[in-house]
Amino acid sequence: MFEELLLLVFSLGFLAIGIHLWQKGAYLLRHGKKASAVIYKNNRSSNGNDNMYHPVVRFLTDKQEWFTQELSVGYSPKKKEGTKLEVIYDPEDPTDVEINSPFTLEILPRLFVAIGLCGLIFGVLEILDVTEVLKSVH
């Protein structure tokens, strides 16, 4: 029973993160403004994972204001400083910025939701003894 509950908890986590990312991506795609940006520097991840770097980008908004912002997505190896890329930002809060990429804004969120839903369905089927995959592992 512990394994099934653990699976449900992880699945709910994937589902919650996926829904959040999906909503954020959909909002940016609907209301966001695109801008050319340059990678100014890379910040090492602060969660103790020394191999992840978060690019800090500089871009000019449609109101001709410069913004420098660390992206939420980390990379390993780090992105080359000076690299140009297209970002999409919330015009009401330009610090809310992401790389304008279908993978980041659309595919990854849907993948998280799909993994979460599959895990939830599988976990519920295991708890109801419809399947016995986790029980046969012992």
N, C-alpha and C. Protein backbone atom coordinates (compact mmCIF):
# COMPACT_ATOMS: atom_id res chain seq x y z
N MET A 1 0.82 -1.20 0.00
CA MET A 1 0.00 0.00 0.00
C MET A 1 0.87 1.27 0.00
N PHE A 2 2.05 1.20 0.64
CA PHE A 2 2.93 2.36 0.69
C PHE A 2 3.37 2.78 -0.72
N GLU A 3 3.73 1.80 -1.54
CA GLU A 3 4.18 2.10 -2.90
C GLU A 3 3.08 2.78 -3.72
N GLU A 4 1.85 2.32 -3.55
CA GLU A 4 0.74 2.91 -4.29
C GLU A 4 0.51 4.36 -3.89
N LEU A 5 0.57 4.62 -2.58
CA LEU A 5 0.38 5.99 -2.09
C LEU A 5 1.53 6.90 -2.55
N LEU A 6 2.74 6.37 -2.53
CA LEU A 6 3.89 7.13 -3.00
C LEU A 6 3.73 7.47 -4.49
N LEU A 7 3.27 6.51 -5.26
CA LEU A 7 3.02 6.75 -6.68
C LEU A 7 1.96 7.84 -6.88
N LEU A 8 0.90 7.80 -6.07
CA LEU A 8 -0.14 8.82 -6.18
C LEU A 8 0.40 10.21 -5.84
N VAL A 9 1.24 10.30 -4.81
CA VAL A 9 1.80 11.59 -4.40
C VAL A 9 2.69 12.16 -5.52
N PHE A 10 3.59 11.32 -6.05
CA PHE A 10 4.45 11.78 -7.14
C PHE A 10 3.62 12.15 -8.38
N SER A 11 2.60 11.38 -8.66
CA SER A 11 1.75 11.66 -9.82
C SER A 11 1.02 12.98 -9.65
N LEU A 12 0.52 13.25 -8.45
CA LEU A 12 -0.14 14.53 -8.19
C LEU A 12 0.84 15.68 -8.35
N GLY A 13 2.09 15.47 -7.93
CA GLY A 13 3.12 16.49 -8.10
C GLY A 13 3.36 16.79 -9.57
N PHE A 14 3.52 15.74 -10.38
CA PHE A 14 3.70 15.93 -11.82
C PHE A 14 2.50 16.65 -12.42
N LEU A 15 1.31 16.25 -12.01
CA LEU A 15 0.09 16.86 -12.53
C LEU A 15 0.01 18.34 -12.16
N ALA A 16 0.29 18.67 -10.90
CA ALA A 16 0.23 20.07 -10.45
C ALA A 16 1.25 20.93 -11.18
N ILE A 17 2.48 20.45 -11.30
CA ILE A 17 3.51 21.21 -12.02
C ILE A 17 3.12 21.37 -13.48
N GLY A 18 2.63 20.30 -14.09
CA GLY A 18 2.23 20.36 -15.50
C GLY A 18 1.11 21.35 -15.74
N ILE A 19 0.11 21.35 -14.87
CA ILE A 19 -1.01 22.28 -15.02
C ILE A 19 -0.52 23.72 -14.87
N HIS A 20 0.34 23.95 -13.87
CA HIS A 20 0.89 25.30 -13.66
C HIS A 20 1.66 25.77 -14.89
N LEU A 21 2.56 24.92 -15.40
CA LEU A 21 3.36 25.28 -16.57
C LEU A 21 2.48 25.47 -17.81
N TRP A 22 1.46 24.64 -17.94
CA TRP A 22 0.54 24.72 -19.09
C TRP A 22 -0.20 26.07 -19.06
N GLN A 23 -0.72 26.45 -17.89
CA GLN A 23 -1.44 27.71 -17.76
C GLN A 23 -0.52 28.90 -18.03
N LYS A 24 0.70 28.83 -17.48
CA LYS A 24 1.66 29.92 -17.68
C LYS A 24 2.03 30.05 -19.16
N GLY A 25 2.31 28.92 -19.80
CA GLY A 25 2.65 28.93 -21.22
C GLY A 25 1.52 29.44 -22.08
N ALA A 26 0.30 28.99 -21.78
CA ALA A 26 -0.86 29.44 -22.55
C ALA A 26 -1.07 30.94 -22.39
N TYR A 27 -0.88 31.44 -21.16
CA TYR A 27 -1.03 32.88 -20.91
C TYR A 27 0.01 33.67 -21.71
N LEU A 28 1.27 33.22 -21.64
CA LEU A 28 2.32 33.94 -22.37
C LEU A 28 2.08 33.89 -23.88
N LEU A 29 1.65 32.75 -24.39
CA LEU A 29 1.39 32.65 -25.82
C LEU A 29 0.22 33.53 -26.25
N ARG A 30 -0.75 33.71 -25.38
CA ARG A 30 -1.93 34.51 -25.70
C ARG A 30 -1.68 36.01 -25.51
N HIS A 31 -1.00 36.37 -24.39
CA HIS A 31 -0.88 37.78 -24.03
C HIS A 31 0.55 38.32 -24.08
N GLY A 32 1.52 37.44 -24.19
CA GLY A 32 2.91 37.85 -24.09
C GLY A 32 3.42 38.61 -25.31
N LYS A 33 4.52 39.29 -25.08
CA LYS A 33 5.21 40.02 -26.15
C LYS A 33 6.54 39.33 -26.40
N LYS A 34 6.92 39.25 -27.66
CA LYS A 34 8.19 38.64 -28.03
C LYS A 34 9.27 39.71 -28.10
N ALA A 35 10.49 39.31 -27.75
CA ALA A 35 11.62 40.23 -27.81
C ALA A 35 12.89 39.45 -28.09
N SER A 36 13.84 40.12 -28.72
CA SER A 36 15.17 39.54 -28.90
C SER A 36 15.94 39.75 -27.60
N ALA A 37 16.64 38.72 -27.18
CA ALA A 37 17.39 38.80 -25.92
C ALA A 37 18.79 38.26 -26.15
N VAL A 38 19.67 38.58 -25.22
CA VAL A 38 21.03 38.06 -25.26
C VAL A 38 21.33 37.47 -23.88
N ILE A 39 22.04 36.36 -23.86
CA ILE A 39 22.43 35.77 -22.58
C ILE A 39 23.58 36.59 -22.03
N TYR A 40 23.32 37.24 -20.91
CA TYR A 40 24.27 38.14 -20.27
C TYR A 40 25.28 37.36 -19.42
N LYS A 41 24.77 36.38 -18.69
CA LYS A 41 25.61 35.52 -17.85
C LYS A 41 24.80 34.29 -17.48
N ASN A 42 25.43 33.37 -16.77
CA ASN A 42 24.77 32.16 -16.27
C ASN A 42 24.94 32.09 -14.77
N ASN A 43 23.87 31.84 -14.06
CA ASN A 43 23.93 31.65 -12.61
C ASN A 43 23.86 30.17 -12.29
N ARG A 44 24.77 29.72 -11.44
CA ARG A 44 24.75 28.33 -11.01
C ARG A 44 23.51 28.10 -10.16
N SER A 45 22.89 26.96 -10.32
CA SER A 45 21.67 26.62 -9.59
C SER A 45 21.92 26.72 -8.10
N SER A 46 20.98 27.33 -7.38
CA SER A 46 21.13 27.53 -5.94
C SER A 46 20.63 26.36 -5.11
N ASN A 47 20.12 25.31 -5.76
CA ASN A 47 19.57 24.18 -4.99
C ASN A 47 20.62 23.11 -4.71
N GLY A 48 21.88 23.42 -4.95
CA GLY A 48 22.94 22.46 -4.65
C GLY A 48 23.34 21.60 -5.82
N ASN A 49 22.62 21.68 -6.92
CA ASN A 49 22.97 20.92 -8.11
C ASN A 49 23.97 21.74 -8.91
N ASP A 50 25.23 21.40 -8.78
CA ASP A 50 26.30 22.21 -9.39
C ASP A 50 26.34 22.14 -10.90
N ASN A 51 25.61 21.24 -11.51
CA ASN A 51 25.68 21.06 -12.95
C ASN A 51 24.61 21.84 -13.71
N MET A 52 23.75 22.55 -13.02
CA MET A 52 22.68 23.30 -13.69
C MET A 52 22.98 24.79 -13.64
N TYR A 53 22.78 25.44 -14.78
CA TYR A 53 23.00 26.87 -14.89
C TYR A 53 21.75 27.52 -15.46
N HIS A 54 21.37 28.65 -14.85
CA HIS A 54 20.20 29.40 -15.30
C HIS A 54 20.69 30.64 -16.05
N PRO A 55 20.35 30.74 -17.33
CA PRO A 55 20.78 31.92 -18.09
C PRO A 55 20.11 33.19 -17.56
N VAL A 56 20.89 34.26 -17.53
CA VAL A 56 20.37 35.58 -17.23
C VAL A 56 20.34 36.33 -18.56
N VAL A 57 19.15 36.77 -18.96
CA VAL A 57 19.00 37.41 -20.26
C VAL A 57 18.70 38.90 -20.10
N ARG A 58 19.10 39.65 -21.12
CA ARG A 58 18.76 41.07 -21.21
C ARG A 58 17.94 41.27 -22.47
N PHE A 59 16.86 42.04 -22.32
CA PHE A 59 16.01 42.31 -23.48
C PHE A 59 15.36 43.67 -23.33
N LEU A 60 14.91 44.20 -24.45
CA LEU A 60 14.24 45.49 -24.51
C LEU A 60 12.75 45.26 -24.71
N THR A 61 11.93 45.83 -23.82
CA THR A 61 10.48 45.65 -23.92
C THR A 61 9.92 46.55 -25.02
N ASP A 62 8.64 46.35 -25.30
CA ASP A 62 7.98 47.19 -26.30
C ASP A 62 7.84 48.64 -25.82
N LYS A 63 8.06 48.88 -24.51
CA LYS A 63 8.03 50.24 -23.96
C LYS A 63 9.43 50.84 -23.89
N GLN A 64 10.38 50.17 -24.57
CA GLN A 64 11.78 50.62 -24.63
C GLN A 64 12.45 50.64 -23.26
N GLU A 65 12.11 49.67 -22.42
CA GLU A 65 12.75 49.51 -21.11
C GLU A 65 13.61 48.25 -21.14
N TRP A 66 14.83 48.37 -20.61
CA TRP A 66 15.72 47.22 -20.54
C TRP A 66 15.42 46.40 -19.30
N PHE A 67 15.38 45.09 -19.46
CA PHE A 67 15.20 44.17 -18.33
C PHE A 67 16.29 43.12 -18.36
N THR A 68 16.79 42.80 -17.19
CA THR A 68 17.74 41.71 -17.02
C THR A 68 17.09 40.73 -16.06
N GLN A 69 16.92 39.49 -16.50
CA GLN A 69 16.17 38.52 -15.70
C GLN A 69 16.75 37.13 -15.84
N GLU A 70 16.82 36.42 -14.70
CA GLU A 70 17.23 35.01 -14.73
C GLU A 70 16.05 34.16 -15.18
N LEU A 71 16.31 33.25 -16.10
CA LEU A 71 15.25 32.36 -16.57
C LEU A 71 15.01 31.24 -15.57
N SER A 72 13.81 30.72 -15.55
CA SER A 72 13.45 29.67 -14.60
C SER A 72 13.99 28.30 -15.02
N VAL A 73 14.32 28.15 -16.29
CA VAL A 73 14.80 26.86 -16.80
C VAL A 73 16.32 26.83 -16.73
N GLY A 74 16.86 25.74 -16.19
CA GLY A 74 18.30 25.57 -16.11
C GLY A 74 18.82 24.63 -17.18
N TYR A 75 20.10 24.76 -17.50
CA TYR A 75 20.73 23.95 -18.54
C TYR A 75 22.07 23.41 -18.05
N SER A 76 22.44 22.29 -18.61
CA SER A 76 23.77 21.74 -18.39
C SER A 76 24.21 21.11 -19.70
N PRO A 77 25.27 21.56 -20.29
CA PRO A 77 26.18 22.61 -19.84
C PRO A 77 25.53 23.98 -19.99
N LYS A 78 26.18 24.98 -19.40
CA LYS A 78 25.61 26.32 -19.45
C LYS A 78 25.60 26.86 -20.88
N LYS A 79 24.64 27.75 -21.12
CA LYS A 79 24.53 28.40 -22.43
C LYS A 79 25.65 29.42 -22.58
N LYS A 80 26.14 29.58 -23.79
CA LYS A 80 27.24 30.49 -24.05
C LYS A 80 26.78 31.94 -23.88
N GLU A 81 27.55 32.72 -23.12
CA GLU A 81 27.25 34.13 -22.94
C GLU A 81 27.37 34.85 -24.28
N GLY A 82 26.45 35.76 -24.52
CA GLY A 82 26.42 36.48 -25.79
C GLY A 82 25.49 35.84 -26.81
N THR A 83 24.99 34.64 -26.51
CA THR A 83 24.07 33.96 -27.42
C THR A 83 22.77 34.75 -27.51
N LYS A 84 22.28 34.94 -28.72
CA LYS A 84 21.01 35.64 -28.92
C LYS A 84 19.89 34.62 -29.02
N LEU A 85 18.74 34.98 -28.47
CA LEU A 85 17.57 34.12 -28.52
C LEU A 85 16.31 34.96 -28.43
N GLU A 86 15.19 34.34 -28.75
CA GLU A 86 13.91 35.04 -28.65
C GLU A 86 13.23 34.64 -27.36
N VAL A 87 12.75 35.65 -26.62
CA VAL A 87 12.01 35.40 -25.39
C VAL A 87 10.59 35.91 -25.55
N ILE A 88 9.74 35.46 -24.65
CA ILE A 88 8.37 35.96 -24.59
C ILE A 88 8.13 36.36 -23.14
N TYR A 89 7.56 37.55 -22.93
CA TYR A 89 7.40 38.07 -21.58
C TYR A 89 5.99 38.61 -21.39
N ASP A 90 5.60 38.71 -20.13
CA ASP A 90 4.31 39.27 -19.76
C ASP A 90 4.46 40.80 -19.77
N PRO A 91 3.72 41.52 -20.62
CA PRO A 91 3.88 42.97 -20.68
C PRO A 91 3.51 43.68 -19.38
N GLU A 92 2.68 43.05 -18.56
CA GLU A 92 2.33 43.64 -17.27
C GLU A 92 3.39 43.37 -16.22
N ASP A 93 4.21 42.33 -16.42
CA ASP A 93 5.29 41.97 -15.50
C ASP A 93 6.45 41.39 -16.31
N PRO A 94 7.29 42.26 -16.87
CA PRO A 94 8.37 41.77 -17.74
C PRO A 94 9.39 40.86 -17.06
N THR A 95 9.33 40.74 -15.74
CA THR A 95 10.21 39.78 -15.07
C THR A 95 9.71 38.35 -15.27
N ASP A 96 8.48 38.21 -15.73
CA ASP A 96 7.92 36.89 -16.07
C ASP A 96 8.27 36.63 -17.53
N VAL A 97 9.41 35.97 -17.75
CA VAL A 97 9.95 35.80 -19.10
C VAL A 97 10.41 34.36 -19.29
N GLU A 98 10.19 33.85 -20.49
CA GLU A 98 10.63 32.49 -20.85
C GLU A 98 11.20 32.52 -22.26
N ILE A 99 12.02 31.53 -22.57
CA ILE A 99 12.48 31.38 -23.95
C ILE A 99 11.26 31.02 -24.79
N ASN A 100 11.12 31.67 -25.92
CA ASN A 100 9.97 31.42 -26.80
C ASN A 100 10.23 30.11 -27.56
N SER A 101 9.87 29.02 -26.92
CA SER A 101 10.12 27.69 -27.47
C SER A 101 8.87 26.83 -27.31
N PRO A 102 8.41 26.18 -28.38
CA PRO A 102 7.24 25.30 -28.26
C PRO A 102 7.47 24.19 -27.24
N PHE A 103 8.71 23.70 -27.12
CA PHE A 103 8.97 22.63 -26.16
C PHE A 103 8.71 23.11 -24.74
N THR A 104 9.26 24.27 -24.38
CA THR A 104 9.12 24.79 -23.02
C THR A 104 7.69 25.24 -22.72
N LEU A 105 7.05 25.89 -23.67
CA LEU A 105 5.74 26.49 -23.42
C LEU A 105 4.57 25.54 -23.64
N GLU A 106 4.75 24.51 -24.47
CA GLU A 106 3.61 23.65 -24.81
C GLU A 106 3.86 22.16 -24.57
N ILE A 107 4.96 21.64 -25.09
CA ILE A 107 5.19 20.19 -25.04
C ILE A 107 5.51 19.71 -23.63
N LEU A 108 6.46 20.35 -22.95
CA LEU A 108 6.85 19.92 -21.60
C LEU A 108 5.69 19.94 -20.61
N PRO A 109 4.87 21.02 -20.57
CA PRO A 109 3.72 20.99 -19.66
C PRO A 109 2.76 19.83 -19.93
N ARG A 110 2.49 19.57 -21.19
CA ARG A 110 1.58 18.47 -21.54
C ARG A 110 2.19 17.12 -21.18
N LEU A 111 3.50 17.01 -21.32
CA LEU A 111 4.19 15.78 -20.93
C LEU A 111 4.06 15.53 -19.43
N PHE A 112 4.23 16.58 -18.63
CA PHE A 112 4.08 16.46 -17.18
C PHE A 112 2.65 16.05 -16.82
N VAL A 113 1.66 16.66 -17.47
CA VAL A 113 0.26 16.31 -17.21
C VAL A 113 0.00 14.86 -17.59
N ALA A 114 0.51 14.42 -18.73
CA ALA A 114 0.30 13.04 -19.17
C ALA A 114 0.93 12.04 -18.20
N ILE A 115 2.15 12.33 -17.76
CA ILE A 115 2.82 11.44 -16.80
C ILE A 115 2.03 11.40 -15.50
N GLY A 116 1.57 12.57 -15.04
CA GLY A 116 0.79 12.63 -13.81
C GLY A 116 -0.51 11.86 -13.91
N LEU A 117 -1.22 12.03 -15.02
CA LEU A 117 -2.49 11.31 -15.20
C LEU A 117 -2.28 9.80 -15.29
N CYS A 118 -1.26 9.38 -16.04
CA CYS A 118 -0.97 7.93 -16.14
C CYS A 118 -0.64 7.35 -14.77
N GLY A 119 0.18 8.07 -14.02
CA GLY A 119 0.54 7.61 -12.68
C GLY A 119 -0.67 7.53 -11.76
N LEU A 120 -1.54 8.54 -11.83
CA LEU A 120 -2.76 8.53 -11.00
C LEU A 120 -3.66 7.36 -11.36
N ILE A 121 -3.88 7.16 -12.64
CA ILE A 121 -4.74 6.05 -13.07
C ILE A 121 -4.14 4.72 -12.63
N PHE A 122 -2.86 4.54 -12.87
CA PHE A 122 -2.19 3.30 -12.49
C PHE A 122 -2.24 3.09 -10.97
N GLY A 123 -2.00 4.17 -10.21
CA GLY A 123 -2.04 4.07 -8.74
C GLY A 123 -3.41 3.69 -8.22
N VAL A 124 -4.45 4.30 -8.79
CA VAL A 124 -5.82 3.97 -8.37
C VAL A 124 -6.14 2.52 -8.73
N LEU A 125 -5.74 2.08 -9.92
CA LEU A 125 -5.99 0.68 -10.31
C LEU A 125 -5.25 -0.28 -9.39
N GLU A 126 -4.07 0.09 -8.95
CA GLU A 126 -3.31 -0.75 -8.01
C GLU A 126 -4.02 -0.82 -6.66
N ILE A 127 -4.49 0.33 -6.18
CA ILE A 127 -5.18 0.36 -4.88
C ILE A 127 -6.46 -0.46 -4.94
N LEU A 128 -7.17 -0.41 -6.06
CA LEU A 128 -8.41 -1.17 -6.22
C LEU A 128 -8.17 -2.63 -6.60
N ASP A 129 -6.92 -3.04 -6.66
CA ASP A 129 -6.52 -4.41 -7.01
C ASP A 129 -6.98 -4.83 -8.41
N VAL A 130 -7.16 -3.88 -9.30
CA VAL A 130 -7.46 -4.21 -10.69
C VAL A 130 -6.19 -4.71 -11.36
N THR A 131 -5.08 -4.08 -11.04
CA THR A 131 -3.76 -4.55 -11.49
C THR A 131 -2.96 -4.91 -10.25
N GLU A 132 -1.98 -5.74 -10.41
CA GLU A 132 -1.16 -6.13 -9.26
C GLU A 132 0.32 -6.09 -9.62
N VAL A 133 0.71 -5.10 -10.38
CA VAL A 133 2.11 -4.98 -10.81
C VAL A 133 3.01 -4.67 -9.63
N LEU A 134 2.64 -3.68 -8.81
CA LEU A 134 3.48 -3.30 -7.68
C LEU A 134 3.53 -4.39 -6.61
N LYS A 135 2.45 -5.13 -6.46
CA LYS A 135 2.43 -6.20 -5.46
C LYS A 135 3.31 -7.38 -5.88
N SER A 136 3.44 -7.61 -7.18
CA SER A 136 4.24 -8.74 -7.65
C SER A 136 5.74 -8.45 -7.60
N VAL A 137 6.11 -7.19 -7.35
CA VAL A 137 7.52 -6.82 -7.27
C VAL A 137 8.14 -7.33 -5.98
N HIS A 138 7.34 -7.47 -4.94
CA HIS A 138 7.86 -7.90 -3.62
C HIS A 138 8.27 -9.31 -3.68
